C-alpha atoms as a PDB file:
ATOM      1  CA  MET A   1      19.213   7.949   7.519  1.00  0.00           C
ATOM      2  CA  VAL A   2      21.702   5.094   7.931  1.00  0.00           C
ATOM      3  CA  PHE A   3      20.212   1.614   8.298  1.00  0.00           C
ATOM      4  CA  PRO A   4      22.034  -0.988  10.439  1.00  0.00           C
ATOM      5  CA  LEU A   5      23.466  -4.264   9.166  1.00  0.00           C
ATOM      6  CA  TYR A   6      20.488  -6.340  10.279  1.00  0.00           C
ATOM      7  CA  PHE A   7      18.190  -4.171   8.143  1.00  0.00           C
ATOM      8  CA  TRP A   8      20.199  -5.102   5.071  1.00  0.00           C
ATOM      9  CA  LEU A   9      20.058  -8.770   6.042  1.00  0.00           C
ATOM     10  CA  LEU A  10      16.266  -8.499   6.135  1.00  0.00           C
ATOM     11  CA  PHE A  11      16.353  -6.802   2.746  1.00  0.00           C
ATOM     12  CA  ALA A  12      18.538  -9.574   1.341  1.00  0.00           C
ATOM     13  CA  ALA A  13      16.099 -12.179   2.686  1.00  0.00           C
ATOM     14  CA  ALA A  14      13.161 -10.369   1.069  1.00  0.00           C
ATOM     15  CA  MET A  15      15.076 -10.161  -2.214  1.00  0.00           C
ATOM     16  CA  LEU A  16      15.900 -13.861  -2.117  1.00  0.00           C
ATOM     17  CA  ILE A  17      12.406 -15.053  -1.237  1.00  0.00           C
ATOM     18  CA  SER A  18      10.527 -12.699  -3.566  1.00  0.00           C
ATOM     19  CA  SER A  19      12.789 -13.650  -6.492  1.00  0.00           C
ATOM     20  CA  ILE A  20      10.210 -16.376  -7.078  1.00  0.00           C
ATOM     21  CA  GLY A  21       8.520 -13.658  -9.122  1.00  0.00           C
ATOM     22  CA  PHE A  22      10.929 -14.237 -11.988  1.00  0.00           C
ATOM     23  CA  LYS A  23       8.989 -17.448 -12.637  1.00  0.00           C
ATOM     24  CA  ASN A  24       5.734 -15.518 -12.772  1.00  0.00           C
ATOM     25  CA  TYR A  25       5.952 -11.780 -12.176  1.00  0.00           C
ATOM     26  CA  VAL A  26       2.663 -11.716 -10.244  1.00  0.00           C
ATOM     27  CA  TRP A  27       4.364 -13.837  -7.595  1.00  0.00           C
ATOM     28  CA  PHE A  28       6.488 -10.819  -6.664  1.00  0.00           C
ATOM     29  CA  ILE A  29       3.371  -9.379  -5.002  1.00  0.00           C
ATOM     30  CA  SER A  30       1.597 -12.575  -4.010  1.00  0.00           C
ATOM     31  CA  LEU A  31       3.614 -15.634  -3.016  1.00  0.00           C
ATOM     32  CA  GLY A  32       6.766 -13.544  -2.679  1.00  0.00           C
ATOM     33  CA  TYR A  33       4.908 -11.120  -0.418  1.00  0.00           C
ATOM     34  CA  GLY A  34       3.530 -13.650   2.040  1.00  0.00           C
ATOM     35  CA  PHE A  35       6.627 -15.791   2.314  1.00  0.00           C
ATOM     36  CA  SER A  36       8.930 -12.737   2.538  1.00  0.00           C
ATOM     37  CA  ILE A  37       7.068 -11.478   5.605  1.00  0.00           C
ATOM     38  CA  ALA A  38       7.274 -14.955   7.151  1.00  0.00           C
ATOM     39  CA  GLY A  39      10.979 -15.143   6.363  1.00  0.00           C
ATOM     40  CA  GLU A  40      11.651 -11.732   7.868  1.00  0.00           C
ATOM     41  CA  GLY A  41       9.795 -12.684  11.041  1.00  0.00           C
ATOM     42  CA  LEU A  42      11.905 -15.813  11.371  1.00  0.00           C
ATOM     43  CA  LEU A  43      15.129 -13.957  10.617  1.00  0.00           C
ATOM     44  CA  MET A  44      14.425 -11.261  13.217  1.00  0.00           C
ATOM     45  CA  ALA A  45      13.749 -13.951  15.823  1.00  0.00           C
ATOM     46  CA  ILE A  46      17.112 -15.529  14.977  1.00  0.00           C
ATOM     47  CA  LEU A  47      19.127 -12.306  14.784  1.00  0.00           C
ATOM     48  CA  TYR A  48      17.763 -10.940  18.065  1.00  0.00           C
ATOM     49  CA  GLY A  49      17.306 -14.297  19.773  1.00  0.00           C
ATOM     50  CA  LYS A  50      19.348 -13.346  22.839  1.00  0.00           C
ATOM     51  CA  THR A  51      17.422 -10.129  23.486  1.00  0.00           C
ATOM     52  CA  LEU A  52      13.903 -11.218  22.538  1.00  0.00           C
ATOM     53  CA  THR A  53      11.212 -10.436  25.085  1.00  0.00           C
ATOM     54  CA  ALA A  54       7.801 -12.099  25.298  1.00  0.00           C
ATOM     55  CA  GLY A  55       6.100  -9.372  23.283  1.00  0.00           C
ATOM     56  CA  THR A  56       8.711  -9.109  20.536  1.00  0.00           C
ATOM     57  CA  LEU A  57       8.822 -12.899  20.203  1.00  0.00           C
ATOM     58  CA  ILE A  58       5.045 -12.985  19.772  1.00  0.00           C
ATOM     59  CA  CYS A  59       5.254 -10.293  17.078  1.00  0.00           C
ATOM     60  CA  CYS A  60       7.908 -12.262  15.188  1.00  0.00           C
ATOM     61  CA  LEU A  61       5.807 -15.427  15.433  1.00  0.00           C
ATOM     62  CA  LEU A  62       2.766 -13.510  14.171  1.00  0.00           C
ATOM     63  CA  PHE A  63       4.767 -12.421  11.118  1.00  0.00           C
ATOM     64  CA  ILE A  64       5.579 -16.074  10.453  1.00  0.00           C
ATOM     65  CA  LEU A  65       1.956 -17.128  10.961  1.00  0.00           C
ATOM     66  CA  TYR A  66       0.646 -14.300   8.801  1.00  0.00           C
ATOM     67  CA  GLY A  67       3.104 -14.915   5.976  1.00  0.00           C
ATOM     68  CA  CYS A  68       2.750 -18.689   5.891  1.00  0.00           C
ATOM     69  CA  ARG A  69      -1.051 -18.495   6.010  1.00  0.00           C
ATOM     70  CA  LEU A  70      -1.222 -15.907   3.250  1.00  0.00           C
ATOM     71  CA  GLY A  71       1.467 -17.509   1.102  1.00  0.00           C
ATOM     72  CA  GLY A  72      -0.101 -20.940   1.535  1.00  0.00           C
ATOM     73  CA  TYR A  73      -3.576 -19.674   0.685  1.00  0.00           C
ATOM     74  CA  LEU A  74      -2.315 -17.907  -2.426  1.00  0.00           C
ATOM     75  CA  ALA A  75      -0.334 -20.982  -3.498  1.00  0.00           C
ATOM     76  CA  VAL A  76      -3.403 -23.219  -3.243  1.00  0.00           C
ATOM     77  CA  ARG A  77      -5.451 -20.688  -5.187  1.00  0.00           C
ATOM     78  CA  GLU A  78      -2.731 -20.305  -7.794  1.00  0.00           C
ATOM     79  CA  PHE A  79      -2.139 -23.987  -8.440  1.00  0.00           C
ATOM     80  CA  LYS A  80      -5.461 -25.642  -7.647  1.00  0.00           C
ATOM     81  CA  SER A  81      -8.226 -23.137  -8.390  1.00  0.00           C
ATOM     82  CA  ALA A  82      -9.294 -23.468 -12.012  1.00  0.00           C
ATOM     83  CA  SER A  83     -11.997 -20.814 -11.573  1.00  0.00           C
ATOM     84  CA  TYR A  84      -9.490 -18.268 -10.244  1.00  0.00           C
ATOM     85  CA  ASN A  85      -7.086 -18.837 -13.133  1.00  0.00           C
ATOM     86  CA  LYS A  86      -9.951 -18.605 -15.602  1.00  0.00           C
ATOM     87  CA  ASN A  87     -11.129 -15.285 -14.134  1.00  0.00           C
ATOM     88  CA  MET A  88      -7.595 -13.873 -14.217  1.00  0.00           C
ATOM     89  CA  THR A  89      -7.000 -14.877 -17.845  1.00  0.00           C
ATOM     90  CA  GLY A  90      -6.296 -11.734 -19.822  1.00  0.00           C
ATOM     91  CA  GLU A  91      -5.587  -9.639 -16.714  1.00  0.00           C
ATOM     92  CA  ILE A  92      -2.067 -10.963 -16.138  1.00  0.00           C
ATOM     93  CA  LYS A  93       0.568  -9.933 -18.640  1.00  0.00           C
ATOM     94  CA  THR A  94       2.949 -12.585 -19.857  1.00  0.00           C
ATOM     95  CA  ASP A  95       5.356 -10.365 -21.809  1.00  0.00           C
ATOM     96  CA  VAL A  96       6.757  -8.217 -18.995  1.00  0.00           C
ATOM     97  CA  PRO A  97      10.243  -6.888 -19.902  1.00  0.00           C
ATOM     98  CA  PHE A  98      13.109  -8.142 -17.748  1.00  0.00           C
ATOM     99  CA  GLY A  99      13.996  -4.598 -16.669  1.00  0.00           C
ATOM    100  CA  VAL A 100      10.454  -4.076 -15.393  1.00  0.00           C
ATOM    101  CA  LYS A 101      10.685  -7.327 -13.448  1.00  0.00           C
ATOM    102  CA  ILE A 102      13.902  -6.106 -11.820  1.00  0.00           C
ATOM    103  CA  ALA A 103      12.211  -2.843 -10.817  1.00  0.00           C
ATOM    104  CA  ILE A 104       9.206  -4.675  -9.352  1.00  0.00           C
ATOM    105  CA  TRP A 105      11.471  -7.116  -7.518  1.00  0.00           C
ATOM    106  CA  VAL A 106      13.578  -4.436  -5.833  1.00  0.00           C
ATOM    107  CA  THR A 107      10.596  -2.189  -5.046  1.00  0.00           C
ATOM    108  CA  CYS A 108       8.665  -5.048  -3.472  1.00  0.00           C
ATOM    109  CA  ALA A 109      11.650  -6.185  -1.392  1.00  0.00           C
ATOM    110  CA  VAL A 110      12.098  -2.638  -0.068  1.00  0.00           C
ATOM    111  CA  LEU A 111       8.415  -2.415   0.834  1.00  0.00           C
ATOM    112  CA  TYR A 112       8.417  -5.788   2.578  1.00  0.00           C
ATOM    113  CA  VAL A 113      11.287  -4.675   4.809  1.00  0.00           C
ATOM    114  CA  LEU A 114       9.701  -1.305   5.539  1.00  0.00           C
ATOM    115  CA  GLN A 115       6.506  -3.032   6.607  1.00  0.00           C
ATOM    116  CA  VAL A 116       8.186  -4.924   9.459  1.00  0.00           C
ATOM    117  CA  LEU A 117      10.193  -1.921  10.676  1.00  0.00           C
ATOM    118  CA  PRO A 118       8.038  -1.206  13.772  1.00  0.00           C
ATOM    119  CA  VAL A 119       8.991  -4.573  15.257  1.00  0.00           C
ATOM    120  CA  PHE A 120      12.540  -4.289  13.915  1.00  0.00           C
ATOM    121  CA  TYR A 121      12.976  -0.886  15.578  1.00  0.00           C
ATOM    122  CA  ARG A 122      11.721  -2.250  18.893  1.00  0.00           C
ATOM    123  CA  LEU A 123      14.272  -5.056  18.677  1.00  0.00           C
ATOM    124  CA  HIS A 124      17.132  -2.918  17.364  1.00  0.00           C
ATOM    125  CA  ASN A 125      16.571  -0.136  19.899  1.00  0.00           C
ATOM    126  CA  GLY A 126      16.307  -2.617  22.773  1.00  0.00           C
ATOM    127  CA  SER A 127      12.925  -1.187  23.739  1.00  0.00           C
ATOM    128  CA  GLY A 128      11.658  -4.455  25.187  1.00  0.00           C
ATOM    129  CA  THR A 129       7.956  -5.162  25.645  1.00  0.00           C
ATOM    130  CA  THR A 130       5.493  -2.449  26.644  1.00  0.00           C
ATOM    131  CA  LEU A 131       1.714  -2.210  26.732  1.00  0.00           C
ATOM    132  CA  TRP A 132       1.834  -0.939  23.154  1.00  0.00           C
ATOM    133  CA  THR A 133       3.588  -4.134  22.091  1.00  0.00           C
ATOM    134  CA  TRP A 134       0.767  -6.267  23.495  1.00  0.00           C
ATOM    135  CA  ILE A 135      -1.955  -4.033  22.045  1.00  0.00           C
ATOM    136  CA  GLY A 136      -0.260  -4.181  18.640  1.00  0.00           C
ATOM    137  CA  ALA A 137       0.166  -7.951  18.835  1.00  0.00           C
ATOM    138  CA  ALA A 138      -3.518  -8.361  19.745  1.00  0.00           C
ATOM    139  CA  VAL A 139      -4.577  -6.291  16.745  1.00  0.00           C
ATOM    140  CA  MET A 140      -2.180  -8.255  14.508  1.00  0.00           C
ATOM    141  CA  LEU A 141      -3.717 -11.543  15.655  1.00  0.00           C
ATOM    142  CA  PHE A 142      -7.234 -10.208  15.193  1.00  0.00           C
ATOM    143  CA  GLY A 143      -6.332  -9.136  11.652  1.00  0.00           C
ATOM    144  CA  ILE A 144      -5.038 -12.617  10.822  1.00  0.00           C
ATOM    145  CA  VAL A 145      -8.181 -14.272  12.214  1.00  0.00           C
ATOM    146  CA  PHE A 146     -10.437 -11.780  10.441  1.00  0.00           C
ATOM    147  CA  GLU A 147      -8.746 -12.237   7.073  1.00  0.00           C
ATOM    148  CA  SER A 148      -8.658 -16.018   7.453  1.00  0.00           C
ATOM    149  CA  ALA A 149     -12.363 -16.110   8.303  1.00  0.00           C
ATOM    150  CA  ALA A 150     -13.148 -13.999   5.225  1.00  0.00           C
ATOM    151  CA  ASP A 151     -11.224 -16.372   2.960  1.00  0.00           C
ATOM    152  CA  ILE A 152     -12.900 -19.432   4.494  1.00  0.00           C
ATOM    153  CA  GLN A 153     -16.365 -17.903   4.178  1.00  0.00           C
ATOM    154  CA  LYS A 154     -15.776 -16.950   0.554  1.00  0.00           C
ATOM    155  CA  ASN A 155     -14.530 -20.416  -0.367  1.00  0.00           C
ATOM    156  CA  ALA A 156     -17.539 -22.010   1.342  1.00  0.00           C
ATOM    157  CA  ALA A 157     -19.986 -19.703  -0.430  1.00  0.00           C
ATOM    158  CA  LYS A 158     -18.353 -20.301  -3.814  1.00  0.00           C
ATOM    159  CA  LYS A 159     -18.626 -24.061  -3.370  1.00  0.00           C
ATOM    160  CA  ILE A 160     -22.390 -23.666  -2.954  1.00  0.00           C
ATOM    161  CA  ASN A 161     -22.867 -21.220  -5.822  1.00  0.00           C
ATOM    162  CA  PRO A 162     -19.700 -20.468  -7.850  1.00  0.00           C
ATOM    163  CA  LYS A 163     -21.457 -17.962 -10.105  1.00  0.00           C
ATOM    164  CA  ARG A 164     -22.894 -15.748  -7.371  1.00  0.00           C
ATOM    165  CA  PHE A 165     -21.171 -12.919  -5.546  1.00  0.00           C
ATOM    166  CA  VAL A 166     -20.555 -13.383  -1.810  1.00  0.00           C
ATOM    167  CA  ASP A 167     -22.620 -11.288   0.577  1.00  0.00           C
ATOM    168  CA  THR A 168     -22.776 -13.504   3.657  1.00  0.00           C
ATOM    169  CA  GLY A 169     -20.767 -13.592   6.877  1.00  0.00           C
ATOM    170  CA  LEU A 170     -18.136 -10.858   7.060  1.00  0.00           C
ATOM    171  CA  TYR A 171     -19.121  -9.820   3.544  1.00  0.00           C
ATOM    172  CA  ARG A 172     -22.265  -8.334   5.070  1.00  0.00           C
ATOM    173  CA  ILE A 173     -20.062  -5.807   6.854  1.00  0.00           C
ATOM    174  CA  VAL A 174     -17.745  -4.807   3.996  1.00  0.00           C
ATOM    175  CA  ARG A 175     -17.331  -6.056   0.444  1.00  0.00           C
ATOM    176  CA  CYS A 176     -13.577  -6.671   0.858  1.00  0.00           C
ATOM    177  CA  PRO A 177     -13.134  -8.103   4.364  1.00  0.00           C
ATOM    178  CA  ASN A 178      -9.849  -9.789   3.409  1.00  0.00           C
ATOM    179  CA  TYR A 179      -8.339  -6.389   2.607  1.00  0.00           C
ATOM    180  CA  LEU A 180      -9.771  -5.042   5.861  1.00  0.00           C
ATOM    181  CA  GLY A 181      -8.023  -7.905   7.670  1.00  0.00           C
ATOM    182  CA  GLU A 182      -4.758  -6.865   6.009  1.00  0.00           C
ATOM    183  CA  ILE A 183      -5.201  -3.281   7.160  1.00  0.00           C
ATOM    184  CA  LEU A 184      -5.969  -4.444  10.693  1.00  0.00           C
ATOM    185  CA  PHE A 185      -2.845  -6.617  10.771  1.00  0.00           C
ATOM    186  CA  TRP A 186      -0.532  -3.834   9.634  1.00  0.00           C
ATOM    187  CA  THR A 187      -2.244  -1.353  11.952  1.00  0.00           C
ATOM    188  CA  GLY A 188      -1.293  -3.708  14.764  1.00  0.00           C
ATOM    189  CA  VAL A 189       2.283  -3.837  13.492  1.00  0.00           C
ATOM    190  CA  PHE A 190       2.518  -0.046  13.541  1.00  0.00           C
ATOM    191  CA  ILE A 191       0.970   0.162  17.014  1.00  0.00           C
ATOM    192  CA  SER A 192       3.454  -2.408  18.320  1.00  0.00           C
ATOM    193  CA  GLY A 193       6.287  -0.002  17.604  1.00  0.00           C
ATOM    194  CA  VAL A 194       4.848   3.003  19.448  1.00  0.00           C
ATOM    195  CA  THR A 195       7.295   4.077  22.210  1.00  0.00           C
ATOM    196  CA  ALA A 196      10.071   2.247  20.316  1.00  0.00           C
ATOM    197  CA  TYR A 197      10.657   4.789  17.546  1.00  0.00           C
ATOM    198  CA  ALA A 198      13.793   6.575  18.681  1.00  0.00           C
ATOM    199  CA  THR A 199      14.265   9.186  15.939  1.00  0.00           C
ATOM    200  CA  ALA A 200      12.251  11.261  13.517  1.00  0.00           C
ATOM    201  CA  GLY A 201      13.600   9.067  10.720  1.00  0.00           C
ATOM    202  CA  GLN A 202      12.227   5.937  12.375  1.00  0.00           C
ATOM    203  CA  TRP A 203       8.819   7.556  12.800  1.00  0.00           C
ATOM    204  CA  ILE A 204       8.821   8.718   9.179  1.00  0.00           C
ATOM    205  CA  THR A 205       9.733   5.326   7.702  1.00  0.00           C
ATOM    206  CA  ALA A 206       7.195   3.512   9.898  1.00  0.00           C
ATOM    207  CA  VAL A 207       4.410   5.946   8.994  1.00  0.00           C
ATOM    208  CA  LEU A 208       5.258   5.880   5.280  1.00  0.00           C
ATOM    209  CA  ALA A 209       5.252   2.071   5.258  1.00  0.00           C
ATOM    210  CA  TYR A 210       1.839   2.028   6.942  1.00  0.00           C
ATOM    211  CA  ILE A 211       0.414   4.568   4.509  1.00  0.00           C
ATOM    212  CA  CYS A 212       1.782   2.542   1.584  1.00  0.00           C
ATOM    213  CA  ILE A 213       0.152  -0.713   2.683  1.00  0.00           C
ATOM    214  CA  VAL A 214      -3.207   0.995   3.302  1.00  0.00           C
ATOM    215  CA  PHE A 215      -2.991   2.581  -0.150  1.00  0.00           C
ATOM    216  CA  ILE A 216      -2.141  -0.804  -1.685  1.00  0.00           C
ATOM    217  CA  MET A 217      -5.166  -2.398  -0.008  1.00  0.00           C
ATOM    218  CA  PHE A 218      -7.496   0.311  -1.324  1.00  0.00           C
ATOM    219  CA  ASN A 219      -5.941  -0.087  -4.770  1.00  0.00           C
ATOM    220  CA  GLY A 220      -6.518  -3.829  -4.567  1.00  0.00           C
ATOM    221  CA  ALA A 221     -10.138  -3.259  -3.581  1.00  0.00           C
ATOM    222  CA  GLN A 222     -10.536  -0.875  -6.525  1.00  0.00           C
ATOM    223  CA  ARG A 223      -9.230  -3.474  -8.974  1.00  0.00           C
ATOM    224  CA  LEU A 224     -11.434  -6.160  -7.429  1.00  0.00           C
ATOM    225  CA  GLU A 225     -14.454  -3.895  -7.779  1.00  0.00           C
ATOM    226  CA  LYS A 226     -13.732  -3.511 -11.484  1.00  0.00           C
ATOM    227  CA  ARG A 227     -13.656  -7.289 -11.942  1.00  0.00           C
ATOM    228  CA  GLN A 228     -16.840  -7.731  -9.957  1.00  0.00           C
ATOM    229  CA  MET A 229     -18.655  -5.042 -11.921  1.00  0.00           C
ATOM    230  CA  ALA A 230     -17.623  -6.736 -15.152  1.00  0.00           C
ATOM    231  CA  ARG A 231     -18.958 -10.044 -13.836  1.00  0.00           C
ATOM    232  CA  TYR A 232     -22.010  -9.039 -11.787  1.00  0.00           C
ATOM    233  CA  GLY A 233     -22.780  -5.519 -13.000  1.00  0.00           C
ATOM    234  CA  ASP A 234     -25.999  -6.600 -14.710  1.00  0.00           C
ATOM    235  CA  ASP A 235     -27.303  -8.295 -11.562  1.00  0.00           C
ATOM    236  CA  PRO A 236     -29.738  -5.999  -9.653  1.00  0.00           C
ATOM    237  CA  ALA A 237     -29.056  -7.920  -6.434  1.00  0.00           C
ATOM    238  CA  TYR A 238     -25.321  -7.233  -6.708  1.00  0.00           C
ATOM    239  CA  ASN A 239     -25.864  -3.531  -7.404  1.00  0.00           C
ATOM    240  CA  GLU A 240     -28.143  -3.241  -4.384  1.00  0.00           C
ATOM    241  CA  TYR A 241     -25.529  -5.002  -2.242  1.00  0.00           C
ATOM    242  CA  ALA A 242     -22.677  -2.863  -3.596  1.00  0.00           C
ATOM    243  CA  ASN A 243     -24.578   0.384  -3.122  1.00  0.00           C
ATOM    244  CA  LYS A 244     -25.343  -0.226   0.549  1.00  0.00           C
ATOM    245  CA  THR A 245     -22.243  -2.108   1.775  1.00  0.00           C
ATOM    246  CA  PRO A 246     -18.982  -0.173   2.372  1.00  0.00           C
ATOM    247  CA  ILE A 247     -16.198  -1.480   0.175  1.00  0.00           C
ATOM    248  CA  ILE A 248     -13.464  -1.849   2.789  1.00  0.00           C
ATOM    249  CA  ILE A 249     -13.953   0.126   6.051  1.00  0.00           C
ATOM    250  CA  PRO A 250     -17.039  -0.635   8.195  1.00  0.00           C
ATOM    251  CA  LEU A 251     -19.413   2.281   8.807  1.00  0.00           C
ATOM    252  CA  LEU A 252     -17.386   4.523   6.476  1.00  0.00           C
ATOM    253  CA  PRO A 253     -19.771   5.425   3.635  1.00  0.00           C
ATOM    254  CA  ILE A 254     -17.318   4.746   0.812  1.00  0.00           C
ATOM    255  CA  TYR A 255     -19.193   2.322  -1.422  1.00  0.00           C
ATOM    256  CA  HIS A 256     -17.295   2.625  -4.698  1.00  0.00           C
ATOM    257  CA  LEU A 257     -13.683   3.354  -5.631  1.00  0.00           C
ATOM    258  CA  ASN A 258     -14.382   3.504  -9.364  1.00  0.00           C
ATOM    259  CA  LYS A 259     -16.469   5.999 -11.273  1.00  0.00           C
ATOM    260  CA  LYS A 260     -19.844   4.506 -11.974  1.00  0.00           C
ATOM    261  CA  ASN A 261     -21.138   4.571 -15.518  1.00  0.00           C
END
């Protein structure tokens, strides 16, 4: 499959923005992730400015909103949250070989471009705006609002009781509502491209990118569960909450992603 020039420009933008990870390799998948998506949304709006339709413009703006919100939230947490940095002490390696950093950098940049392909294909193929574009954009917006609400509710709960797990608000529905918000957003992105995929290769890359991000969210939830078990595992109230609240998908009876002792 041959990718067009604009694809490689998006890849170059993702490489440039995510290179912040050379300062701290975790930033490849945190700050670099959020701001790369925002940058790609802006770049697509610029590259296809003359052929943008209402729906594709909204999708590009939602990428910018999503990326700036996520990147900004992660930056505040990274630089101003003493409790977060304390909890992550020992979990973040500081002696990552340069070659490994290069591999992470390139892999992440590829993934970040693949994730926006549904909107890119709609723009590149000149597919305009269809009902699927609006449905996808609505789901994208809902995902952003959902994830933002989860972050706000968690911060509010932690201010009241920093040592207690959060089980209020959206956390009554699932234990990782922020990851659910991510999945909703990228589900909307995939939906927005339906009717725009012109070849089997475009379908395959769009589907693979969607599967990858869902897998990454479940992996993130699994790692979070490990940290929470280490911190709250001796608390009967937490165990009761964890055993009856789905970890990431509402109504789906998957309560744990790690083997219980």
